[in-house]
Amino acid sequence: MSKKLKIGLFLDTFFPMVDGVIMVVDNYAKRLSKFCDVTVFTINSKEKCDRKFDYKIVRCKSLRLLAIDYDIPTPKFDKNFNKILKESNLDIVHIHSPFAIGALGVKYAKKHNIPAIATMHSQFKKDFYRSTKSKKLTNILLKHIMKVFNKCDVCYGVNDKISEIFYDYGAKTMPLVQRNGTDMLPIEDKAAAIKLVNEKYGLNEDTTVFLFVGRINALKNIYFILEALEKLKDKNFKMFYVGEGQDFEELEKRVKKSSIADNVILTGKITDRELLKAIYLRAKLFLFPSMYDASSLVQIEAASQGTPTIFLKNSATSATVTDNVNGFLSEPTTEKFAEKIEEILADDELYKKVQEGAVRDLYVTWDDCVKEMYQKYLQAIENKKGN
């Protein structure tokens, strides 16, 4: 195209809050803005955001609900937000959530006869049922969001399993797949990075490190990890929980009461990406027994440093993994999870094979992902012209 493509990315949460979807959009926006005119349409926050951005952000008014982690955007009541959107002259809309702001993005696309693209990130049925405890309300809410997704020209799931889940939710066609990536590059001076982590956290060179990175939320099965590792209390290991979240204090209490309190390190949130990379590298295994996540970015980050992940069988986030090839799968009990860890630690040859497979099959950079999506944007625009 002779002119810069004008892209609108729409989502109902954003910094200073941090979650996987926000990180995805941030990585898209940073890279697309190098050769496109990018605007992120999102929510205002009651909390101060100190981050600097290389792209334009338009925020709408919001309401704070104490019962959940998220603020609720109210774009209908924000004249300035709607004025900026109306004058944005977008070439394409890409929504990353199907609620108020995402739905507004689709409405804009239909009105201006431009493509609306959607990425499906989350297992909404689980979210809705957890919040409502009602199958009837869950189904009503699912129908509502699927109306938004089904108005889009193209929908993408973040892996095959998520595409299947959304097809079951009621997608009119099977969503295509567009995988997520990472901004992490493999560490070159591995010895120095390992030494850094050992010194910072008082680790011996022969101490095995297990790792979880993410929101400290019960939905992520964080207590499952603790209970599984209690069965390995005679082993020489340290378990790192990296992150913060609503269940941090509860995890802290459970760790103190556990039989492995001295083996657990709660780091809190780590914003130093170089330190985080070094911790990934130092870890023997990344433990991710979440049945909630769709396709977590942290498993790709782990693969970037050659650290394989253990998942639970049939979890959506393990969809890109083949057991004992590029990752590990466990039955969904703490006993079997602990047994799987012991099997891995006892087989150096298998571990090395899976370590290499994780890098080969799971590690993909955001640069490559965004280049792929940009070509899909261009194709969607051409297809729209032909209709």
Protein backbone atom coordinates (compact mmCIF):
# COMPACT_ATOMS: atom_id res chain seq x y z
CA MET A 1 0.00 0.00 0.00
CA SER A 2 1.22 3.49 -0.83
CA LYS A 3 0.04 5.02 2.47
CA LYS A 4 0.47 3.92 6.03
CA LEU A 5 -2.22 1.52 7.11
CA LYS A 6 -4.42 2.97 9.86
CA ILE A 7 -5.04 0.23 12.40
CA GLY A 8 -7.35 0.34 15.41
CA LEU A 9 -6.69 -2.19 18.18
CA PHE A 10 -9.64 -2.49 20.55
CA LEU A 11 -9.68 -4.06 24.03
CA ASP A 12 -11.51 -3.52 27.30
CA THR A 13 -8.49 -3.63 29.66
CA PHE A 14 -5.08 -1.97 29.50
CA PHE A 15 -2.10 -0.72 31.47
CA PRO A 16 -1.45 -0.08 34.32
CA MET A 17 -3.18 -3.43 34.73
CA VAL A 18 -1.15 -6.26 33.25
CA ASP A 19 -2.44 -9.54 31.86
CA GLY A 20 -1.74 -11.72 28.85
CA VAL A 21 -4.14 -9.99 26.46
CA ILE A 22 -2.76 -6.56 27.35
CA MET A 23 0.77 -7.78 26.66
CA VAL A 24 -0.32 -9.21 23.31
CA VAL A 25 -1.85 -5.90 22.22
CA ASP A 26 1.15 -3.93 23.46
CA ASN A 27 3.50 -6.11 21.43
CA TYR A 28 1.32 -5.81 18.34
CA ALA A 29 1.05 -2.03 18.70
CA LYS A 30 4.78 -1.46 19.31
CA ARG A 31 5.79 -3.37 16.21
CA LEU A 32 3.01 -2.28 13.89
CA SER A 33 3.60 1.37 14.78
CA LYS A 34 7.03 1.18 13.11
CA PHE A 35 5.35 1.12 9.71
CA CYS A 36 1.63 1.76 10.40
CA ASP A 37 -0.52 4.40 12.05
CA VAL A 38 -1.69 2.53 15.16
CA THR A 39 -4.27 3.58 17.74
CA VAL A 40 -5.22 1.49 20.76
CA PHE A 41 -8.80 2.16 21.83
CA THR A 42 -9.21 1.08 25.41
CA ILE A 43 -10.27 1.93 28.95
CA ASN A 44 -9.24 4.70 31.28
CA SER A 45 -7.82 3.70 34.64
CA LYS A 46 -8.30 5.17 38.08
CA GLU A 47 -4.67 4.26 38.79
CA LYS A 48 -1.72 6.22 37.44
CA CYS A 49 0.08 4.66 34.47
CA ASP A 50 3.79 5.51 34.36
CA ARG A 51 4.59 3.60 31.18
CA LYS A 52 5.64 5.42 28.01
CA PHE A 53 4.17 4.25 24.71
CA ASP A 54 5.35 4.44 21.11
CA TYR A 55 1.81 4.46 19.79
CA LYS A 56 -1.40 6.43 20.25
CA ILE A 57 -3.82 5.43 23.01
CA VAL A 58 -7.39 6.68 23.29
CA ARG A 59 -9.04 5.87 26.60
CA CYS A 60 -12.73 5.95 27.51
CA LYS A 61 -14.42 6.50 30.84
CA SER A 62 -14.93 3.57 33.18
CA LEU A 63 -16.64 2.32 36.32
CA ARG A 64 -14.87 0.51 39.16
CA LEU A 65 -16.47 -2.73 40.32
CA LEU A 66 -15.04 -3.97 43.60
CA ALA A 67 -16.16 -7.57 43.06
CA ILE A 68 -13.77 -8.20 40.17
CA ASP A 69 -10.22 -7.34 39.10
CA TYR A 70 -11.31 -5.23 36.14
CA ASP A 71 -12.83 -1.79 35.62
CA ILE A 72 -15.82 -1.61 33.29
CA PRO A 73 -15.50 0.68 30.24
CA THR A 74 -18.42 2.96 29.42
CA PRO A 75 -17.75 4.26 25.89
CA LYS A 76 -21.42 5.12 25.30
CA PHE A 77 -21.11 7.90 27.87
CA ASP A 78 -17.82 9.33 26.62
CA LYS A 79 -18.39 11.95 23.89
CA ASN A 80 -14.69 12.69 23.44
CA PHE A 81 -13.82 9.01 22.97
CA ASN A 82 -16.54 8.61 20.36
CA LYS A 83 -15.50 11.81 18.60
CA ILE A 84 -11.89 10.62 18.24
CA LEU A 85 -13.05 7.22 16.99
CA LYS A 86 -15.42 8.82 14.50
CA GLU A 87 -12.57 10.94 13.09
CA SER A 88 -9.94 8.18 13.13
CA ASN A 89 -10.41 7.14 9.48
CA LEU A 90 -9.27 3.57 10.18
CA ASP A 91 -8.46 1.05 7.45
CA ILE A 92 -8.95 -1.99 9.67
CA VAL A 93 -10.29 -2.87 13.12
CA HIS A 94 -8.73 -5.61 15.23
CA ILE A 95 -10.61 -6.43 18.43
CA HIS A 96 -9.08 -8.37 21.33
CA SER A 97 -12.17 -8.48 23.56
CA PRO A 98 -15.88 -8.74 22.72
CA PHE A 99 -17.30 -6.36 25.32
CA ALA A 100 -18.16 -2.66 25.17
CA ILE A 101 -15.04 -1.37 23.41
CA GLY A 102 -14.59 -4.41 21.18
CA ALA A 103 -18.25 -4.27 20.14
CA LEU A 104 -17.87 -0.56 19.37
CA GLY A 105 -14.89 -1.37 17.14
CA VAL A 106 -16.94 -3.88 15.16
CA LYS A 107 -19.79 -1.39 14.86
CA TYR A 108 -17.34 1.20 13.47
CA ALA A 109 -15.97 -1.33 10.96
CA LYS A 110 -19.44 -2.23 9.69
CA LYS A 111 -20.47 1.40 9.37
CA HIS A 112 -17.35 2.27 7.35
CA ASN A 113 -17.22 -0.99 5.39
CA ILE A 114 -13.73 -1.95 6.55
CA PRO A 115 -12.56 -5.35 7.81
CA ALA A 116 -13.11 -6.33 11.43
CA ILE A 117 -10.61 -8.88 12.71
CA ALA A 118 -10.96 -10.63 16.09
CA THR A 119 -8.50 -12.55 18.21
CA MET A 120 -10.07 -14.94 20.71
CA HIS A 121 -7.86 -15.13 23.79
CA SER A 122 -9.89 -16.33 26.77
CA GLN A 123 -12.15 -19.19 27.84
CA PHE A 124 -15.12 -16.93 28.51
CA LYS A 125 -17.48 -19.74 29.47
CA LYS A 126 -15.32 -20.48 32.52
CA ASP A 127 -15.13 -16.79 33.40
CA PHE A 128 -18.87 -16.30 33.12
CA TYR A 129 -19.77 -19.34 35.17
CA ARG A 130 -17.23 -18.47 37.84
CA SER A 131 -18.80 -15.00 38.16
CA THR A 132 -22.49 -15.95 37.90
CA LYS A 133 -22.62 -19.57 39.17
CA SER A 134 -25.50 -19.92 36.70
CA LYS A 135 -25.52 -22.03 33.53
CA LYS A 136 -28.44 -20.02 32.18
CA LEU A 137 -26.71 -16.65 32.63
CA THR A 138 -23.47 -18.12 31.29
CA ASN A 139 -25.21 -19.20 28.09
CA ILE A 140 -26.89 -15.80 27.72
CA LEU A 141 -23.53 -14.03 28.08
CA LEU A 142 -21.88 -16.45 25.64
CA LYS A 143 -24.55 -15.75 23.01
CA HIS A 144 -23.98 -12.03 23.51
CA ILE A 145 -20.22 -12.14 22.93
CA MET A 146 -20.52 -14.59 20.03
CA LYS A 147 -22.81 -12.11 18.27
CA VAL A 148 -19.90 -9.67 18.37
CA PHE A 149 -17.35 -12.21 17.15
CA ASN A 150 -19.67 -13.47 14.40
CA LYS A 151 -19.98 -9.95 12.99
CA CYS A 152 -16.23 -9.96 12.33
CA ASP A 153 -14.84 -10.80 8.91
CA VAL A 154 -12.11 -13.10 10.28
CA CYS A 155 -11.61 -14.63 13.72
CA TYR A 156 -8.40 -16.12 15.07
CA GLY A 157 -7.83 -18.42 18.01
CA VAL A 158 -4.43 -18.42 19.69
CA ASN A 159 -4.08 -22.18 19.14
CA ASP A 160 -6.09 -25.08 17.69
CA LYS A 161 -7.78 -25.90 20.99
CA ILE A 162 -9.05 -22.35 21.50
CA SER A 163 -10.38 -22.28 17.93
CA GLU A 164 -12.30 -25.48 18.69
CA ILE A 165 -13.61 -24.05 21.97
CA PHE A 166 -14.95 -20.93 20.25
CA TYR A 167 -16.51 -23.03 17.50
CA ASP A 168 -18.34 -24.89 20.27
CA TYR A 169 -19.34 -21.52 21.76
CA GLY A 170 -21.13 -20.74 18.50
CA ALA A 171 -18.64 -19.28 16.02
CA LYS A 172 -20.23 -19.41 12.57
CA THR A 173 -17.02 -20.83 11.07
CA MET A 174 -14.00 -22.49 12.64
CA PRO A 175 -11.63 -19.68 13.71
CA LEU A 176 -8.21 -19.66 12.09
CA VAL A 177 -5.07 -19.88 14.23
CA GLN A 178 -2.60 -17.09 14.90
CA ARG A 179 -0.08 -17.97 17.59
CA ASN A 180 1.32 -15.54 20.13
CA GLY A 181 5.03 -14.81 20.45
CA THR A 182 7.58 -13.31 22.80
CA ASP A 183 9.98 -10.38 22.84
CA MET A 184 12.56 -12.47 24.71
CA LEU A 185 15.74 -13.44 22.90
CA PRO A 186 17.92 -16.33 24.07
CA ILE A 187 20.58 -15.26 26.58
CA GLU A 188 24.07 -15.41 25.09
CA ASP A 189 26.17 -15.39 28.26
CA LYS A 190 24.38 -18.19 30.08
CA ALA A 191 27.02 -18.66 32.76
CA ALA A 192 26.82 -15.01 33.84
CA ALA A 193 23.00 -15.11 33.94
CA ILE A 194 22.94 -18.25 36.07
CA LYS A 195 25.53 -16.76 38.42
CA LEU A 196 23.40 -13.62 38.75
CA VAL A 197 20.34 -15.61 39.85
CA ASN A 198 22.34 -17.84 42.20
CA GLU A 199 23.87 -14.84 43.95
CA LYS A 200 20.65 -12.80 44.11
CA TYR A 201 18.58 -15.60 45.62
CA GLY A 202 21.27 -17.53 47.51
CA LEU A 203 21.12 -20.66 45.40
CA ASN A 204 23.70 -23.42 45.28
CA GLU A 205 24.85 -24.47 41.82
CA ASP A 206 23.33 -27.94 42.24
CA THR A 207 19.90 -26.69 43.42
CA THR A 208 17.09 -27.58 41.04
CA VAL A 209 14.82 -24.62 40.26
CA PHE A 210 11.14 -24.90 39.42
CA LEU A 211 9.32 -21.83 38.17
CA PHE A 212 5.88 -20.28 37.82
CA VAL A 213 5.43 -16.81 36.26
CA GLY A 214 2.07 -15.09 36.05
CA ARG A 215 -0.79 -13.59 38.01
CA ILE A 216 -0.93 -15.02 41.51
CA ASN A 217 -4.50 -16.14 41.16
CA ALA A 218 -6.15 -19.39 42.27
CA LEU A 219 -7.46 -19.79 38.71
CA LYS A 220 -3.89 -20.55 37.64
CA ASN A 221 -3.77 -23.65 39.90
CA ILE A 222 -1.00 -22.10 42.02
CA TYR A 223 -1.92 -24.14 45.11
CA PHE A 224 -1.80 -27.33 43.04
CA ILE A 225 1.90 -26.65 42.43
CA LEU A 226 2.56 -26.25 46.14
CA GLU A 227 0.73 -29.45 47.02
CA ALA A 228 2.53 -31.42 44.30
CA LEU A 229 5.95 -30.20 45.39
CA GLU A 230 5.26 -31.16 49.01
CA LYS A 231 5.51 -34.74 47.77
CA LEU A 232 9.09 -33.95 46.68
CA LYS A 233 10.14 -32.29 49.95
CA ASP A 234 13.23 -34.53 50.26
CA LYS A 235 14.60 -33.18 46.95
CA ASN A 236 17.09 -30.30 46.70
CA PHE A 237 14.96 -27.66 44.97
CA LYS A 238 13.66 -24.11 45.07
CA MET A 239 10.25 -23.14 43.74
CA PHE A 240 9.99 -19.60 42.35
CA TYR A 241 6.59 -17.92 42.13
CA VAL A 242 7.08 -14.75 40.07
CA GLY A 243 4.17 -12.31 39.96
CA GLU A 244 1.53 -10.55 41.97
CA GLY A 245 -2.24 -10.83 42.15
CA GLN A 246 -5.33 -11.04 44.29
CA ASP A 247 -4.34 -14.37 45.90
CA PHE A 248 -0.74 -13.46 46.78
CA GLU A 249 -1.44 -13.19 50.51
CA GLU A 250 -3.32 -16.49 50.54
CA LEU A 251 -0.43 -18.20 48.73
CA GLU A 252 1.98 -16.68 51.23
CA LYS A 253 -0.07 -18.11 54.11
CA ARG A 254 -0.21 -21.55 52.52
CA VAL A 255 3.52 -21.56 51.86
CA LYS A 256 4.25 -20.76 55.51
CA LYS A 257 2.01 -23.61 56.66
CA SER A 258 3.44 -26.08 54.12
CA SER A 259 6.23 -28.58 54.68
CA ILE A 260 8.35 -26.88 52.01
CA ALA A 261 8.27 -23.27 53.23
CA ASP A 262 12.08 -23.07 53.04
CA ASN A 263 11.99 -24.27 49.43
CA VAL A 264 9.67 -21.56 48.11
CA ILE A 265 10.64 -18.07 46.94
CA LEU A 266 7.88 -15.54 46.33
CA THR A 267 9.58 -12.83 44.28
CA GLY A 268 6.58 -10.58 43.66
CA LYS A 269 6.33 -8.84 40.31
CA ILE A 270 9.59 -8.60 38.34
CA THR A 271 9.70 -5.76 35.80
CA ASP A 272 13.40 -6.21 34.95
CA ARG A 273 13.13 -8.34 31.80
CA GLU A 274 16.82 -9.25 31.86
CA LEU A 275 16.49 -10.63 35.38
CA LEU A 276 13.32 -12.49 34.40
CA LYS A 277 15.11 -14.01 31.40
CA ALA A 278 17.90 -15.16 33.70
CA ILE A 279 15.39 -16.80 36.06
CA TYR A 280 13.77 -18.62 33.14
CA LEU A 281 17.21 -19.83 32.11
CA ARG A 282 18.11 -20.94 35.65
CA ALA A 283 14.89 -22.96 35.97
CA LYS A 284 14.96 -26.65 35.20
CA LEU A 285 11.21 -26.81 34.59
CA PHE A 286 8.41 -24.32 34.14
CA LEU A 287 5.34 -25.55 36.05
CA PHE A 288 2.06 -24.47 34.49
CA PRO A 289 -0.89 -26.65 35.58
CA SER A 290 -3.49 -24.03 34.65
CA MET A 291 -6.76 -25.28 33.19
CA TYR A 292 -7.91 -21.67 32.81
CA ASP A 293 -5.36 -20.16 30.41
CA ALA A 294 -5.91 -20.22 26.68
CA SER A 295 -2.32 -19.82 25.45
CA SER A 296 -0.09 -18.15 27.98
CA LEU A 297 2.81 -15.98 26.86
CA VAL A 298 4.97 -17.24 29.73
CA GLN A 299 5.30 -20.73 28.26
CA ILE A 300 6.77 -19.15 25.11
CA GLU A 301 9.10 -17.04 27.25
CA ALA A 302 10.26 -20.21 29.01
CA ALA A 303 10.89 -21.91 25.66
CA SER A 304 12.98 -18.92 24.54
CA GLN A 305 15.51 -19.85 27.24
CA GLY A 306 15.34 -23.58 26.61
CA THR A 307 13.18 -24.31 29.66
CA PRO A 308 10.46 -26.91 29.01
CA THR A 309 7.02 -26.71 30.62
CA ILE A 310 4.87 -29.27 32.41
CA PHE A 311 1.16 -28.86 31.66
CA LEU A 312 -1.94 -30.81 32.62
CA LYS A 313 -3.40 -33.05 29.93
CA ASN A 314 -6.30 -31.59 27.94
CA SER A 315 -5.60 -28.01 29.05
CA ALA A 316 -6.13 -25.45 26.30
CA THR A 317 -2.73 -23.87 26.88
CA SER A 318 -0.98 -27.19 26.18
CA ALA A 319 -2.46 -27.43 22.68
CA THR A 320 0.88 -26.74 20.97
CA VAL A 321 2.68 -29.41 23.02
CA THR A 322 3.36 -33.09 22.39
CA ASP A 323 4.29 -35.01 25.53
CA ASN A 324 7.99 -35.86 25.76
CA VAL A 325 8.67 -34.09 22.44
CA ASN A 326 8.51 -30.32 23.11
CA GLY A 327 6.95 -30.28 26.57
CA PHE A 328 5.54 -32.52 29.26
CA LEU A 329 1.95 -33.48 30.07
CA SER A 330 0.69 -34.80 33.38
CA GLU A 331 -2.53 -36.33 34.61
CA PRO A 332 -4.49 -33.72 36.63
CA THR A 333 -3.60 -34.89 40.13
CA THR A 334 -0.86 -33.63 42.42
CA GLU A 335 0.43 -37.18 42.83
CA LYS A 336 0.85 -37.69 39.08
CA PHE A 337 2.32 -34.21 38.66
CA ALA A 338 4.96 -34.97 41.30
CA GLU A 339 5.67 -38.34 39.68
CA LYS A 340 6.10 -36.67 36.29
CA ILE A 341 8.64 -34.26 37.75
CA GLU A 342 10.59 -37.15 39.27
CA GLU A 343 10.57 -39.01 35.94
CA ILE A 344 11.93 -35.95 34.12
CA LEU A 345 14.67 -35.33 36.67
CA ALA A 346 15.77 -38.98 36.39
CA ASP A 347 16.11 -38.96 32.58
CA ASP A 348 18.74 -36.49 31.32
CA GLU A 349 18.50 -37.73 27.73
CA LEU A 350 14.73 -37.18 27.57
CA TYR A 351 15.08 -33.78 29.20
CA LYS A 352 17.63 -32.62 26.64
CA LYS A 353 15.45 -33.85 23.77
CA VAL A 354 12.38 -31.99 25.08
CA GLN A 355 14.46 -28.90 25.86
CA GLU A 356 15.56 -28.75 22.21
CA GLY A 357 12.00 -29.44 21.05
CA ALA A 358 10.61 -26.57 23.11
CA VAL A 359 12.97 -24.10 21.46
CA ARG A 360 12.37 -25.56 18.01
CA ASP A 361 8.57 -25.80 18.14
CA LEU A 362 7.30 -23.27 20.69
CA TYR A 363 9.67 -20.32 20.54
CA VAL A 364 8.40 -17.68 18.13
CA THR A 365 9.16 -13.96 18.20
CA TRP A 366 6.62 -11.16 18.15
CA ASP A 367 8.38 -9.73 15.10
CA ASP A 368 7.47 -12.83 13.11
CA CYS A 369 3.92 -12.94 14.49
CA VAL A 370 3.26 -9.30 13.64
CA LYS A 371 4.66 -9.66 10.11
CA GLU A 372 2.25 -12.54 9.56
CA MET A 373 -0.70 -10.57 10.91
CA TYR A 374 0.15 -7.52 8.82
CA GLN A 375 -0.07 -9.65 5.67
CA LYS A 376 -3.41 -10.95 6.90
CA TYR A 377 -4.60 -7.37 7.37
CA LEU A 378 -3.70 -6.57 3.76
CA GLN A 379 -5.49 -9.69 2.54
CA ALA A 380 -8.59 -8.84 4.58
CA ILE A 381 -8.67 -5.37 3.04
CA GLU A 382 -8.40 -6.82 -0.47
CA ASN A 383 -11.14 -9.33 0.29
CA LYS A 384 -13.37 -6.53 1.54
CA LYS A 385 -12.86 -4.56 -1.63
CA GLY A 386 -13.90 -7.59 -3.65
CA ASN A 387 -17.21 -8.00 -1.80
